C-alpha atoms as a PDB file:
ATOM      1  CA  MET A   1      63.203 108.279 125.159  1.00  0.00           C
ATOM      2  CA  LYS A   2      61.444 105.056 126.095  1.00  0.00           C
ATOM      3  CA  LYS A   3      60.909 106.266 129.662  1.00  0.00           C
ATOM      4  CA  VAL A   4      59.372 109.499 128.430  1.00  0.00           C
ATOM      5  CA  LEU A   5      57.048 107.559 126.140  1.00  0.00           C
ATOM      6  CA  ALA A   6      56.045 105.261 129.001  1.00  0.00           C
ATOM      7  CA  ILE A   7      55.253 108.235 131.238  1.00  0.00           C
ATOM      8  CA  VAL A   8      53.226 109.934 128.513  1.00  0.00           C
ATOM      9  CA  LEU A   9      51.256 106.761 127.846  1.00  0.00           C
ATOM     10  CA  LEU A  10      50.637 106.257 131.567  1.00  0.00           C
ATOM     11  CA  LEU A  11      49.348 109.816 131.877  1.00  0.00           C
ATOM     12  CA  ALA A  12      47.161 109.230 128.837  1.00  0.00           C
ATOM     13  CA  VAL A  13      45.537 106.419 130.806  1.00  0.00           C
ATOM     14  CA  ILE A  14      45.231 108.301 134.118  1.00  0.00           C
ATOM     15  CA  LEU A  15      43.977 111.712 133.001  1.00  0.00           C
ATOM     16  CA  PRO A  16      40.791 110.579 131.211  1.00  0.00           C
ATOM     17  CA  TRP A  17      39.814 108.440 134.208  1.00  0.00           C
ATOM     18  CA  ALA A  18      40.377 111.349 136.564  1.00  0.00           C
ATOM     19  CA  GLY A  19      38.343 113.661 134.330  1.00  0.00           C
ATOM     20  CA  VAL A  20      35.450 111.218 134.250  1.00  0.00           C
ATOM     21  CA  ALA A  21      35.611 110.853 138.028  1.00  0.00           C
ATOM     22  CA  LEU A  22      35.536 114.592 138.558  1.00  0.00           C
ATOM     23  CA  ALA A  23      32.744 115.148 136.057  1.00  0.00           C
ATOM     24  CA  SER A  24      30.512 112.481 137.600  1.00  0.00           C
ATOM     25  CA  ASP A  25      30.100 114.420 140.860  1.00  0.00           C
ATOM     26  CA  ALA A  26      29.995 117.930 139.404  1.00  0.00           C
ATOM     27  CA  ALA A  27      26.787 118.942 141.191  1.00  0.00           C
ATOM     28  CA  ALA A  28      27.861 120.413 144.541  1.00  0.00           C
ATOM     29  CA  PRO A  29      25.261 121.334 147.176  1.00  0.00           C
ATOM     30  CA  ALA A  30      24.759 125.007 148.014  1.00  0.00           C
ATOM     31  CA  ASP A  31      24.564 124.446 151.777  1.00  0.00           C
ATOM     32  CA  ALA A  32      27.887 125.020 153.575  1.00  0.00           C
ATOM     33  CA  GLU A  33      27.365 122.140 156.011  1.00  0.00           C
ATOM     34  CA  THR A  34      26.936 119.531 153.299  1.00  0.00           C
ATOM     35  CA  ALA A  35      29.653 120.908 151.019  1.00  0.00           C
ATOM     36  CA  THR A  36      32.477 119.184 152.888  1.00  0.00           C
ATOM     37  CA  PRO A  37      31.128 115.600 152.551  1.00  0.00           C
ATOM     38  CA  ALA A  38      30.449 116.219 148.857  1.00  0.00           C
ATOM     39  CA  ALA A  39      34.018 117.370 148.384  1.00  0.00           C
ATOM     40  CA  GLN A  40      35.242 114.268 150.200  1.00  0.00           C
ATOM     41  CA  ASP A  41      33.073 112.061 147.984  1.00  0.00           C
ATOM     42  CA  ASN A  42      34.470 113.810 144.934  1.00  0.00           C
ATOM     43  CA  LEU A  43      38.013 113.218 146.175  1.00  0.00           C
ATOM     44  CA  LEU A  44      37.209 109.562 146.894  1.00  0.00           C
ATOM     45  CA  THR A  45      35.862 109.185 143.369  1.00  0.00           C
ATOM     46  CA  LEU A  46      39.058 110.705 142.003  1.00  0.00           C
ATOM     47  CA  TYR A  47      41.208 108.319 144.048  1.00  0.00           C
ATOM     48  CA  LYS A  48      39.125 105.358 142.914  1.00  0.00           C
ATOM     49  CA  ALA A  49      39.535 106.336 139.274  1.00  0.00           C
ATOM     50  CA  MET A  50      43.261 106.879 139.674  1.00  0.00           C
ATOM     51  CA  GLY A  51      43.670 103.563 141.478  1.00  0.00           C
ATOM     52  CA  ALA A  52      41.807 101.751 138.733  1.00  0.00           C
ATOM     53  CA  ALA A  53      43.894 103.505 136.079  1.00  0.00           C
ATOM     54  CA  PHE A  54      47.108 102.563 137.869  1.00  0.00           C
ATOM     55  CA  ALA A  55      45.967  98.942 138.189  1.00  0.00           C
ATOM     56  CA  ILE A  56      45.224  98.649 134.484  1.00  0.00           C
ATOM     57  CA  GLY A  57      48.179 100.768 133.337  1.00  0.00           C
ATOM     58  CA  PHE A  58      50.847  98.967 135.331  1.00  0.00           C
ATOM     59  CA  ALA A  59      49.379  95.555 134.506  1.00  0.00           C
ATOM     60  CA  ALA A  60      49.344  96.401 130.798  1.00  0.00           C
ATOM     61  CA  PHE A  61      52.904  97.715 130.936  1.00  0.00           C
ATOM     62  CA  GLY A  62      54.115  94.570 132.725  1.00  0.00           C
ATOM     63  CA  THR A  63      52.299  92.316 130.287  1.00  0.00           C
ATOM     64  CA  ALA A  64      53.728  94.111 127.266  1.00  0.00           C
ATOM     65  CA  TRP A  65      57.245  93.971 128.660  1.00  0.00           C
ATOM     66  CA  ALA A  66      56.981  90.251 129.483  1.00  0.00           C
ATOM     67  CA  GLN A  67      55.527  89.385 126.098  1.00  0.00           C
ATOM     68  CA  SER A  68      58.224  91.297 124.269  1.00  0.00           C
ATOM     69  CA  LYS A  69      60.929  89.280 126.014  1.00  0.00           C
ATOM     70  CA  ILE A  70      59.112  85.961 125.621  1.00  0.00           C
ATOM     71  CA  GLY A  71      58.215  86.633 121.994  1.00  0.00           C
ATOM     72  CA  SER A  72      61.768  87.286 120.898  1.00  0.00           C
ATOM     73  CA  ALA A  73      63.038  84.225 122.767  1.00  0.00           C
ATOM     74  CA  ALA A  74      60.232  82.108 121.295  1.00  0.00           C
ATOM     75  CA  ALA A  75      61.055  83.210 117.759  1.00  0.00           C
ATOM     76  CA  GLY A  76      64.655  82.148 118.217  1.00  0.00           C
ATOM     77  CA  ALA A  77      63.698  78.836 119.822  1.00  0.00           C
ATOM     78  CA  ILE A  78      61.203  77.970 117.087  1.00  0.00           C
ATOM     79  CA  ALA A  79      63.767  78.833 114.404  1.00  0.00           C
ATOM     80  CA  GLU A  80      66.197  76.338 115.901  1.00  0.00           C
ATOM     81  CA  LYS A  81      63.727  73.678 117.004  1.00  0.00           C
ATOM     82  CA  PRO A  82      60.241  73.893 115.373  1.00  0.00           C
ATOM     83  CA  GLU A  83      58.667  71.244 117.622  1.00  0.00           C
ATOM     84  CA  VAL A  84      58.652  73.627 120.612  1.00  0.00           C
ATOM     85  CA  GLY A  85      56.055  75.862 118.920  1.00  0.00           C
ATOM     86  CA  GLY A  86      53.157  74.675 121.087  1.00  0.00           C
ATOM     87  CA  THR A  87      55.051  75.299 124.282  1.00  0.00           C
ATOM     88  CA  MET A  88      56.035  78.763 123.134  1.00  0.00           C
ATOM     89  CA  ILE A  89      52.425  79.665 122.374  1.00  0.00           C
ATOM     90  CA  VAL A  90      51.483  78.707 125.931  1.00  0.00           C
ATOM     91  CA  LEU A  91      54.395  80.722 127.328  1.00  0.00           C
ATOM     92  CA  GLU A  92      53.366  83.699 125.218  1.00  0.00           C
ATOM     93  CA  ALA A  93      49.779  83.521 126.530  1.00  0.00           C
ATOM     94  CA  LEU A  94      50.704  83.293 130.226  1.00  0.00           C
ATOM     95  CA  PRO A  95      51.414  87.036 130.728  1.00  0.00           C
ATOM     96  CA  GLU A  96      47.886  87.837 129.517  1.00  0.00           C
ATOM     97  CA  THR A  97      46.624  86.719 132.917  1.00  0.00           C
ATOM     98  CA  ILE A  98      48.389  89.743 134.412  1.00  0.00           C
ATOM     99  CA  ILE A  99      46.234  92.202 132.465  1.00  0.00           C
ATOM    100  CA  ILE A 100      43.098  90.202 133.227  1.00  0.00           C
ATOM    101  CA  LEU A 101      43.937  90.442 136.932  1.00  0.00           C
ATOM    102  CA  GLY A 102      44.573  94.169 136.460  1.00  0.00           C
ATOM    103  CA  PHE A 103      41.043  94.577 135.076  1.00  0.00           C
ATOM    104  CA  VAL A 104      39.608  92.566 137.972  1.00  0.00           C
ATOM    105  CA  ILE A 105      41.439  94.703 140.531  1.00  0.00           C
ATOM    106  CA  ALA A 106      40.285  97.880 138.776  1.00  0.00           C
ATOM    107  CA  LEU A 107      36.669  96.677 138.901  1.00  0.00           C
ATOM    108  CA  LEU A 108      37.036  95.801 142.568  1.00  0.00           C
ATOM    109  CA  ILE A 109      38.418  99.252 143.299  1.00  0.00           C
ATOM    110  CA  ILE A 110      35.552 100.979 141.505  1.00  0.00           C
ATOM    111  CA  VAL A 111      32.709  98.772 142.740  1.00  0.00           C
ATOM    112  CA  MET A 112      33.713  97.852 146.292  1.00  0.00           C
ATOM    113  CA  LEU A 113      34.874 101.202 147.686  1.00  0.00           C
END
């Protein structure tokens, strides 16, 4: 059940990005010679949107999984030894850099290509 939920959530991230990418280049030229490059640009835009969605989606999934494991271990450690609370807060914040890097990669995909 968890795998099905993960796939549904991943598709919920990908499909809106793909729809926006396809809608942004909706105006196709009437000339037959220029129709092929426009279709290629539209496909490139779709791939860029999907790549950005994958970058953010996988980074968010990895961050959530890491924080769930660290959070449960931190709760147990703090219950036994309260003075490790500061260290556990730092360890809980470390996976957030993964999602920040996912956003940076998504922006690089969209802007640079």
